[in-house]
């Protein structure tokens, strides 16, 4: 239990930030899953659109230090590789 006023404020801030970070990280994971599903589907245009959206979200998350920049780059690379394997029909 915090004793000083600054420690109490820090506890409030960390609780608030934890909730924000959890929701943003969850939204990011959902977007990544949607892109993976789209990459496995038959519609190449939908896969490309999902990849563009998740790339933007990954870059924003890395800029806000929600995830590491190398983790964002690695995820983007893996998704791009997955989508490029797809035959364009």
PDB file of N, CA and C in Angstrom:
ATOM      1  N   UNK A   1       0.850  -1.186   0.000  1.00  0.00           N
ATOM      2  CA  UNK A   1       0.000   0.000   0.000  1.00  0.00           C
ATOM      3  C   UNK A   1       0.892   1.244   0.000  1.00  0.00           C
ATOM      4  N   UNK A   2       0.660   2.172  -0.916  1.00  0.00           N
ATOM      5  CA  UNK A   2       1.500   3.369  -0.966  1.00  0.00           C
ATOM      6  C   UNK A   2       1.228   4.291   0.223  1.00  0.00           C
ATOM      7  N   UNK A   3       2.286   4.936   0.686  1.00  0.00           N
ATOM      8  CA  UNK A   3       2.170   5.820   1.840  1.00  0.00           C
ATOM      9  C   UNK A   3       2.208   7.297   1.460  1.00  0.00           C
ATOM     10  N   UNK A   4       3.103   7.635   0.560  1.00  0.00           N
ATOM     11  CA  UNK A   4       3.259   9.047   0.204  1.00  0.00           C
ATOM     12  C   UNK A   4       2.262   9.440  -0.890  1.00  0.00           C
ATOM     13  N   UNK A   5       1.952  10.727  -0.972  1.00  0.00           N
ATOM     14  CA  UNK A   5       1.032  11.176  -2.035  1.00  0.00           C
ATOM     15  C   UNK A   5       1.549  10.870  -3.444  1.00  0.00           C
ATOM     16  N   UNK A   6       2.868  10.974  -3.649  1.00  0.00           N
ATOM     17  CA  UNK A   6       3.404  10.684  -4.981  1.00  0.00           C
ATOM     18  C   UNK A   6       3.295   9.197  -5.308  1.00  0.00           C
ATOM     19  N   UNK A   7       3.468   8.346  -4.300  1.00  0.00           N
ATOM     20  CA  UNK A   7       3.334   6.907  -4.522  1.00  0.00           C
ATOM     21  C   UNK A   7       1.879   6.550  -4.827  1.00  0.00           C
ATOM     22  N   UNK A   8       0.949   7.249  -4.176  1.00  0.00           N
ATOM     23  CA  UNK A   8      -0.479   7.017  -4.443  1.00  0.00           C
ATOM     24  C   UNK A   8      -0.831   7.417  -5.876  1.00  0.00           C
ATOM     25  N   UNK A   9      -0.274   8.548  -6.299  1.00  0.00           N
ATOM     26  CA  UNK A   9      -0.521   9.014  -7.660  1.00  0.00           C
ATOM     27  C   UNK A   9       0.096   8.043  -8.672  1.00  0.00           C
ATOM     28  N   UNK A  10       1.301   7.574  -8.379  1.00  0.00           N
ATOM     29  CA  UNK A  10       1.972   6.629  -9.271  1.00  0.00           C
ATOM     30  C   UNK A  10       1.157   5.346  -9.413  1.00  0.00           C
ATOM     31  N   UNK A  11       0.539   4.912  -8.328  1.00  0.00           N
ATOM     32  CA  UNK A  11      -0.304   3.716  -8.362  1.00  0.00           C
ATOM     33  C   UNK A  11      -1.530   3.945  -9.248  1.00  0.00           C
ATOM     34  N   UNK A  12      -2.143   5.124  -9.115  1.00  0.00           N
ATOM     35  CA  UNK A  12      -3.300   5.448  -9.961  1.00  0.00           C
ATOM     36  C   UNK A  12      -2.894   5.482 -11.440  1.00  0.00           C
ATOM     37  N   UNK A  13      -1.755   6.113 -11.704  1.00  0.00           N
ATOM     38  CA  UNK A  13      -1.294   6.222 -13.090  1.00  0.00           C
ATOM     39  C   UNK A  13      -0.969   4.867 -13.690  1.00  0.00           C
ATOM     40  N   UNK A  14      -0.300   4.020 -12.919  1.00  0.00           N
ATOM     41  CA  UNK A  14       0.081   2.718 -13.461  1.00  0.00           C
ATOM     42  C   UNK A  14      -1.142   1.850 -13.711  1.00  0.00           C
ATOM     43  N   UNK A  15      -2.155   1.967 -12.854  1.00  0.00           N
ATOM     44  CA  UNK A  15      -3.389   1.200 -13.068  1.00  0.00           C
ATOM     45  C   UNK A  15      -4.096   1.666 -14.340  1.00  0.00           C
ATOM     46  N   UNK A  16      -4.145   2.972 -14.542  1.00  0.00           N
ATOM     47  CA  UNK A  16      -4.781   3.542 -15.727  1.00  0.00           C
ATOM     48  C   UNK A  16      -4.021   3.136 -16.991  1.00  0.00           C
ATOM     49  N   UNK A  17      -2.689   3.261 -16.942  1.00  0.00           N
ATOM     50  CA  UNK A  17      -1.864   2.907 -18.092  1.00  0.00           C
ATOM     51  C   UNK A  17      -1.955   1.419 -18.408  1.00  0.00           C
ATOM     52  N   UNK A  18      -2.074   0.589 -17.372  1.00  0.00           N
ATOM     53  CA  UNK A  18      -2.177  -0.850 -17.583  1.00  0.00           C
ATOM     54  C   UNK A  18      -3.440  -1.184 -18.369  1.00  0.00           C
ATOM     55  N   UNK A  19      -4.547  -0.551 -18.014  1.00  0.00           N
ATOM     56  CA  UNK A  19      -5.803  -0.796 -18.731  1.00  0.00           C
ATOM     57  C   UNK A  19      -5.717  -0.339 -20.186  1.00  0.00           C
ATOM     58  N   UNK A  20      -5.134   0.834 -20.407  1.00  0.00           N
ATOM     59  CA  UNK A  20      -4.975   1.349 -21.768  1.00  0.00           C
ATOM     60  C   UNK A  20      -4.085   0.430 -22.599  1.00  0.00           C
ATOM     61  N   UNK A  21      -2.961   0.026 -22.005  1.00  0.00           N
ATOM     62  CA  UNK A  21      -2.025  -0.831 -22.731  1.00  0.00           C
ATOM     63  C   UNK A  21      -2.642  -2.183 -23.051  1.00  0.00           C
ATOM     64  N   UNK A  22      -3.415  -2.734 -22.107  1.00  0.00           N
ATOM     65  CA  UNK A  22      -4.044  -4.035 -22.341  1.00  0.00           C
ATOM     66  C   UNK A  22      -5.021  -3.965 -23.504  1.00  0.00           C
ATOM     67  N   UNK A  23      -5.835  -2.914 -23.547  1.00  0.00           N
ATOM     68  CA  UNK A  23      -6.820  -2.817 -24.623  1.00  0.00           C
ATOM     69  C   UNK A  23      -6.136  -2.595 -25.975  1.00  0.00           C
ATOM     70  N   UNK A  24      -5.097  -1.773 -25.994  1.00  0.00           N
ATOM     71  CA  UNK A  24      -4.390  -1.518 -27.245  1.00  0.00           C
ATOM     72  C   UNK A  24      -3.655  -2.764 -27.728  1.00  0.00           C
ATOM     73  N   UNK A  25      -3.049  -3.501 -26.799  1.00  0.00           N
ATOM     74  CA  UNK A  25      -2.339  -4.721 -27.171  1.00  0.00           C
ATOM     75  C   UNK A  25      -3.322  -5.780 -27.678  1.00  0.00           C
ATOM     76  N   UNK A  26      -4.492  -5.827 -27.050  1.00  0.00           N
ATOM     77  CA  UNK A  26      -5.522  -6.769 -27.480  1.00  0.00           C
ATOM     78  C   UNK A  26      -6.009  -6.434 -28.889  1.00  0.00           C
ATOM     79  N   UNK A  27      -6.225  -5.156 -29.159  1.00  0.00           N
ATOM     80  CA  UNK A  27      -6.666  -4.729 -30.487  1.00  0.00           C
ATOM     81  C   UNK A  27      -5.600  -5.053 -31.539  1.00  0.00           C
ATOM     82  N   UNK A  28      -4.344  -4.890 -31.164  1.00  0.00           N
ATOM     83  CA  UNK A  28      -3.239  -5.199 -32.071  1.00  0.00           C
ATOM     84  C   UNK A  28      -3.218  -6.692 -32.391  1.00  0.00           C
ATOM     85  N   UNK A  29      -3.370  -7.524 -31.376  1.00  0.00           N
ATOM     86  CA  UNK A  29      -3.371  -8.979 -31.584  1.00  0.00           C
ATOM     87  C   UNK A  29      -4.543  -9.404 -32.457  1.00  0.00           C
ATOM     88  N   UNK A  30      -5.696  -8.769 -32.254  1.00  0.00           N
ATOM     89  CA  UNK A  30      -6.868  -9.080 -33.061  1.00  0.00           C
ATOM     90  C   UNK A  30      -6.611  -8.730 -34.526  1.00  0.00           C
ATOM     91  N   UNK A  31      -5.996  -7.584 -34.767  1.00  0.00           N
ATOM     92  CA  UNK A  31      -5.692  -7.168 -36.139  1.00  0.00           C
ATOM     93  C   UNK A  31      -4.712  -8.138 -36.797  1.00  0.00           C
ATOM     94  N   UNK A  32      -3.731  -8.607 -36.039  1.00  0.00           N
ATOM     95  CA  UNK A  32      -2.758  -9.559 -36.574  1.00  0.00           C
ATOM     96  C   UNK A  32      -3.451 -10.866 -36.937  1.00  0.00           C
ATOM     97  N   UNK A  33      -4.344 -11.325 -36.065  1.00  0.00           N
ATOM     98  CA  UNK A  33      -5.080 -12.559 -36.346  1.00  0.00           C
ATOM     99  C   UNK A  33      -5.943 -12.412 -37.594  1.00  0.00           C
ATOM    100  N   UNK A  34      -6.596 -11.260 -37.748  1.00  0.00           N
ATOM    101  CA  UNK A  34      -7.422 -11.023 -38.937  1.00  0.00           C
ATOM    102  C   UNK A  34      -6.568 -11.060 -40.201  1.00  0.00           C
ATOM    103  N   UNK A  35      -5.366 -10.498 -40.127  1.00  0.00           N
ATOM    104  CA  UNK A  35      -4.475 -10.497 -41.287  1.00  0.00           C
ATOM    105  C   UNK A  35      -4.030 -11.917 -41.624  1.00  0.00           C
ATOM    106  N   UNK A  36      -3.762 -12.718 -40.601  1.00  0.00           N
ATOM    107  CA  UNK A  36      -3.370 -14.114 -40.843  1.00  0.00           C
ATOM    108  C   UNK A  36      -4.506 -14.902 -41.487  1.00  0.00           C
ATOM    109  N   UNK A  37      -5.730 -14.680 -41.010  1.00  0.00           N
ATOM    110  CA  UNK A  37      -6.891 -15.364 -41.579  1.00  0.00           C
ATOM    111  C   UNK A  37      -7.097 -14.922 -43.027  1.00  0.00           C
ATOM    112  N   UNK A  38      -6.954 -13.618 -43.278  1.00  0.00           N
ATOM    113  CA  UNK A  38      -7.118 -13.095 -44.640  1.00  0.00           C
ATOM    114  C   UNK A  38      -6.038 -13.661 -45.557  1.00  0.00           C
ATOM    115  N   UNK A  39      -4.835 -13.849 -45.037  1.00  0.00           N
ATOM    116  CA  UNK A  39      -3.744 -14.402 -45.838  1.00  0.00           C
ATOM    117  C   UNK A  39      -4.025 -15.852 -46.205  1.00  0.00           C
ATOM    118  N   UNK A  40      -4.749 -16.552 -45.351  1.00  0.00           N
ATOM    119  CA  UNK A  40      -5.088 -17.943 -45.618  1.00  0.00           C
ATOM    120  C   UNK A  40      -6.300 -18.101 -46.508  1.00  0.00           C
ATOM    121  N   UNK A  41      -7.037 -17.012 -46.716  1.00  0.00           N
ATOM    122  CA  UNK A  41      -8.245 -17.062 -47.535  1.00  0.00           C
ATOM    123  C   UNK A  41      -7.949 -16.992 -49.026  1.00  0.00           C
ATOM    124  N   UNK A  42      -9.004 -16.827 -49.800  1.00  0.00           N
ATOM    125  CA  UNK A  42      -8.846 -16.824 -51.257  1.00  0.00           C
ATOM    126  C   UNK A  42      -8.750 -15.420 -51.840  1.00  0.00           C
ATOM    127  N   UNK A  43      -9.183 -14.418 -51.098  1.00  0.00           N
ATOM    128  CA  UNK A  43      -9.213 -13.052 -51.629  1.00  0.00           C
ATOM    129  C   UNK A  43      -7.883 -12.332 -51.372  1.00  0.00           C
ATOM    130  N   UNK A  44      -7.114 -12.138 -52.437  1.00  0.00           N
ATOM    131  CA  UNK A  44      -5.802 -11.506 -52.306  1.00  0.00           C
ATOM    132  C   UNK A  44      -5.925 -10.031 -51.945  1.00  0.00           C
ATOM    133  N   UNK A  45      -6.974  -9.365 -52.459  1.00  0.00           N
ATOM    134  CA  UNK A  45      -7.154  -7.941 -52.161  1.00  0.00           C
ATOM    135  C   UNK A  45      -7.472  -7.727 -50.687  1.00  0.00           C
ATOM    136  N   UNK A  46      -8.269  -8.609 -50.113  1.00  0.00           N
ATOM    137  CA  UNK A  46      -8.603  -8.502 -48.685  1.00  0.00           C
ATOM    138  C   UNK A  46      -7.368  -8.740 -47.829  1.00  0.00           C
ATOM    139  N   UNK A  47      -6.533  -9.676 -48.261  1.00  0.00           N
ATOM    140  CA  UNK A  47      -5.293  -9.955 -47.520  1.00  0.00           C
ATOM    141  C   UNK A  47      -4.377  -8.747 -47.560  1.00  0.00           C
ATOM    142  N   UNK A  48      -4.278  -8.115 -48.714  1.00  0.00           N
ATOM    143  CA  UNK A  48      -3.423  -6.930 -48.856  1.00  0.00           C
ATOM    144  C   UNK A  48      -3.942  -5.777 -48.002  1.00  0.00           C
ATOM    145  N   UNK A  49      -5.240  -5.592 -47.990  1.00  0.00           N
ATOM    146  CA  UNK A  49      -5.856  -4.528 -47.181  1.00  0.00           C
ATOM    147  C   UNK A  49      -5.624  -4.783 -45.686  1.00  0.00           C
ATOM    148  N   UNK A  50      -5.821  -6.028 -45.259  1.00  0.00           N
ATOM    149  CA  UNK A  50      -5.604  -6.381 -43.851  1.00  0.00           C
ATOM    150  C   UNK A  50      -4.143  -6.180 -43.475  1.00  0.00           C
ATOM    151  N   UNK A  51      -3.231  -6.505 -44.395  1.00  0.00           N
ATOM    152  CA  UNK A  51      -1.803  -6.315 -44.136  1.00  0.00           C
ATOM    153  C   UNK A  51      -1.475  -4.833 -43.970  1.00  0.00           C
ATOM    154  N   UNK A  52      -2.065  -3.978 -44.819  1.00  0.00           N
ATOM    155  CA  UNK A  52      -1.815  -2.536 -44.705  1.00  0.00           C
ATOM    156  C   UNK A  52      -2.292  -2.004 -43.359  1.00  0.00           C
ATOM    157  N   UNK A  53      -3.457  -2.451 -42.930  1.00  0.00           N
ATOM    158  CA  UNK A  53      -4.009  -1.985 -41.657  1.00  0.00           C
ATOM    159  C   UNK A  53      -3.154  -2.439 -40.477  1.00  0.00           C
ATOM    160  N   UNK A  54      -2.752  -3.707 -40.488  1.00  0.00           N
ATOM    161  CA  UNK A  54      -1.970  -4.215 -39.363  1.00  0.00           C
ATOM    162  C   UNK A  54      -0.571  -3.602 -39.347  1.00  0.00           C
ATOM    163  N   UNK A  55      -0.035  -3.271 -40.515  1.00  0.00           N
ATOM    164  CA  UNK A  55       1.272  -2.619 -40.569  1.00  0.00           C
ATOM    165  C   UNK A  55       1.215  -1.261 -39.886  1.00  0.00           C
ATOM    166  N   UNK A  56       0.157  -0.529 -40.160  1.00  0.00           N
ATOM    167  CA  UNK A  56      -0.008   0.782 -39.532  1.00  0.00           C
ATOM    168  C   UNK A  56      -0.127   0.638 -38.017  1.00  0.00           C
ATOM    169  N   UNK A  57      -0.944  -0.324 -37.570  1.00  0.00           N
ATOM    170  CA  UNK A  57      -1.126  -0.530 -36.131  1.00  0.00           C
ATOM    171  C   UNK A  57       0.180  -0.949 -35.461  1.00  0.00           C
ATOM    172  N   UNK A  58       0.953  -1.797 -36.125  1.00  0.00           N
ATOM    173  CA  UNK A  58       2.233  -2.234 -35.564  1.00  0.00           C
ATOM    174  C   UNK A  58       3.199  -1.062 -35.434  1.00  0.00           C
ATOM    175  N   UNK A  59       3.251  -0.221 -36.460  1.00  0.00           N
ATOM    176  CA  UNK A  59       4.144   0.940 -36.407  1.00  0.00           C
ATOM    177  C   UNK A  59       3.739   1.898 -35.294  1.00  0.00           C
ATOM    178  N   UNK A  60       2.441   2.102 -35.129  1.00  0.00           N
ATOM    179  CA  UNK A  60       1.966   2.990 -34.072  1.00  0.00           C
ATOM    180  C   UNK A  60       2.273   2.408 -32.690  1.00  0.00           C
ATOM    181  N   UNK A  61       2.088   1.108 -32.545  1.00  0.00           N
ATOM    182  CA  UNK A  61       2.371   0.461 -31.260  1.00  0.00           C
ATOM    183  C   UNK A  61       3.853   0.544 -30.925  1.00  0.00           C
ATOM    184  N   UNK A  62       4.702   0.396 -31.926  1.00  0.00           N
ATOM    185  CA  UNK A  62       6.141   0.486 -31.701  1.00  0.00           C
ATOM    186  C   UNK A  62       6.538   1.913 -31.358  1.00  0.00           C
ATOM    187  N   UNK A  63       5.888   2.889 -31.985  1.00  0.00           N
ATOM    188  CA  UNK A  63       6.199   4.292 -31.707  1.00  0.00           C
ATOM    189  C   UNK A  63       5.813   4.671 -30.275  1.00  0.00           C
ATOM    190  N   UNK A  64       4.755   4.044 -29.763  1.00  0.00           N
ATOM    191  CA  UNK A  64       4.298   4.330 -28.399  1.00  0.00           C
ATOM    192  C   UNK A  64       4.950   3.426 -27.360  1.00  0.00           C
ATOM    193  N   UNK A  65       5.927   2.617 -27.784  1.00  0.00           N
ATOM    194  CA  UNK A  65       6.625   1.666 -26.914  1.00  0.00           C
ATOM    195  C   UNK A  65       5.681   0.630 -26.311  1.00  0.00           C
ATOM    196  N   UNK A  66       4.601   0.335 -27.000  1.00  0.00           N
ATOM    197  CA  UNK A  66       3.700  -0.720 -26.563  1.00  0.00           C
ATOM    198  C   UNK A  66       4.353  -2.069 -26.836  1.00  0.00           C
ATOM    199  N   UNK A  67       5.034  -2.161 -27.983  1.00  0.00           N
ATOM    200  CA  UNK A  67       5.855  -3.313 -28.314  1.00  0.00           C
ATOM    201  C   UNK A  67       7.199  -2.786 -28.804  1.00  0.00           C
ATOM    202  N   UNK A  68       8.184  -3.666 -28.833  1.00  0.00           N
ATOM    203  CA  UNK A  68       9.510  -3.259 -29.290  1.00  0.00           C
ATOM    204  C   UNK A  68       9.503  -3.073 -30.806  1.00  0.00           C
ATOM    205  N   UNK A  69      10.329  -2.158 -31.285  1.00  0.00           N
ATOM    206  CA  UNK A  69      10.335  -1.870 -32.720  1.00  0.00           C
ATOM    207  C   UNK A  69      10.775  -3.082 -33.535  1.00  0.00           C
ATOM    208  N   UNK A  70      11.673  -3.886 -32.991  1.00  0.00           N
ATOM    209  CA  UNK A  70      12.104  -5.083 -33.717  1.00  0.00           C
ATOM    210  C   UNK A  70      11.007  -6.139 -33.744  1.00  0.00           C
ATOM    211  N   UNK A  71      10.200  -6.193 -32.699  1.00  0.00           N
ATOM    212  CA  UNK A  71       9.066  -7.122 -32.682  1.00  0.00           C
ATOM    213  C   UNK A  71       8.048  -6.721 -33.742  1.00  0.00           C
ATOM    214  N   UNK A  72       7.845  -5.433 -33.909  1.00  0.00           N
ATOM    215  CA  UNK A  72       6.933  -4.940 -34.945  1.00  0.00           C
ATOM    216  C   UNK A  72       7.484  -5.284 -36.328  1.00  0.00           C
ATOM    217  N   UNK A  73       8.762  -5.063 -36.532  1.00  0.00           N
ATOM    218  CA  UNK A  73       9.388  -5.352 -37.826  1.00  0.00           C
ATOM    219  C   UNK A  73       9.331  -6.842 -38.127  1.00  0.00           C
ATOM    220  N   UNK A  74       9.576  -7.655 -37.122  1.00  0.00           N
ATOM    221  CA  UNK A  74       9.544  -9.110 -37.300  1.00  0.00           C
ATOM    222  C   UNK A  74       8.145  -9.586 -37.680  1.00  0.00           C
ATOM    223  N   UNK A  75       7.137  -9.056 -37.009  1.00  0.00           N
ATOM    224  CA  UNK A  75       5.751  -9.438 -37.290  1.00  0.00           C
ATOM    225  C   UNK A  75       5.352  -9.008 -38.697  1.00  0.00           C
ATOM    226  N   UNK A  76       5.716  -7.782 -39.072  1.00  0.00           N
ATOM    227  CA  UNK A  76       5.397  -7.294 -40.421  1.00  0.00           C
ATOM    228  C   UNK A  76       6.069  -8.168 -41.473  1.00  0.00           C
ATOM    229  N   UNK A  77       7.307  -8.540 -41.229  1.00  0.00           N
ATOM    230  CA  UNK A  77       8.049  -9.359 -42.175  1.00  0.00           C
ATOM    231  C   UNK A  77       7.391 -10.727 -42.345  1.00  0.00           C
ATOM    232  N   UNK A  78       6.995 -11.328 -41.247  1.00  0.00           N
ATOM    233  CA  UNK A  78       6.375 -12.650 -41.306  1.00  0.00           C
ATOM    234  C   UNK A  78       5.028 -12.599 -42.013  1.00  0.00           C
ATOM    235  N   UNK A  79       4.271 -11.547 -41.764  1.00  0.00           N
ATOM    236  CA  UNK A  79       2.975 -11.411 -42.433  1.00  0.00           C
ATOM    237  C   UNK A  79       3.167 -11.179 -43.938  1.00  0.00           C
ATOM    238  N   UNK A  80       4.133 -10.356 -44.290  1.00  0.00           N
ATOM    239  CA  UNK A  80       4.393 -10.077 -45.701  1.00  0.00           C
ATOM    240  C   UNK A  80       4.807 -11.362 -46.420  1.00  0.00           C
ATOM    241  N   UNK A  81       5.621 -12.151 -45.757  1.00  0.00           N
ATOM    242  CA  UNK A  81       6.074 -13.420 -46.321  1.00  0.00           C
ATOM    243  C   UNK A  81       4.892 -14.361 -46.519  1.00  0.00           C
ATOM    244  N   UNK A  82       3.990 -14.383 -45.550  1.00  0.00           N
ATOM    245  CA  UNK A  82       2.805 -15.239 -45.604  1.00  0.00           C
ATOM    246  C   UNK A  82       1.894 -14.827 -46.752  1.00  0.00           C
ATOM    247  N   UNK A  83       1.721 -13.522 -46.932  1.00  0.00           N
ATOM    248  CA  UNK A  83       0.838 -13.016 -47.979  1.00  0.00           C
ATOM    249  C   UNK A  83       1.469 -13.192 -49.362  1.00  0.00           C
ATOM    250  N   UNK A  84       2.800 -13.048 -49.462  1.00  0.00           N
ATOM    251  CA  UNK A  84       3.463 -13.168 -50.760  1.00  0.00           C
ATOM    252  C   UNK A  84       3.456 -14.612 -51.263  1.00  0.00           C
ATOM    253  N   UNK A  85       3.360 -15.578 -50.367  1.00  0.00           N
ATOM    254  CA  UNK A  85       3.284 -16.992 -50.769  1.00  0.00           C
ATOM    255  C   UNK A  85       1.983 -17.287 -51.489  1.00  0.00           C
ATOM    256  N   UNK A  86       0.993 -16.452 -51.189  1.00  0.00           N
ATOM    257  CA  UNK A  86      -0.357 -16.661 -51.731  1.00  0.00           C
ATOM    258  C   UNK A  86      -0.348 -16.482 -53.252  1.00  0.00           C
ATOM    259  N   UNK A  87      -0.874 -17.453 -54.000  1.00  0.00           N
ATOM    260  CA  UNK A  87      -0.959 -17.259 -55.447  1.00  0.00           C
ATOM    261  C   UNK A  87      -1.989 -16.206 -55.787  1.00  0.00           C
ATOM    262  N   UNK A  88      -1.641 -15.279 -56.641  1.00  0.00           N
ATOM    263  CA  UNK A  88      -2.566 -14.222 -57.031  1.00  0.00           C
ATOM    264  C   UNK A  88      -3.505 -14.781 -58.084  1.00  0.00           C
ATOM    265  N   UNK A  89      -4.756 -14.965 -57.712  1.00  0.00           N
ATOM    266  CA  UNK A  89      -5.730 -15.555 -58.635  1.00  0.00           C
ATOM    267  C   UNK A  89      -6.782 -14.560 -59.039  1.00  0.00           C
TER     268      UNK A  89
END
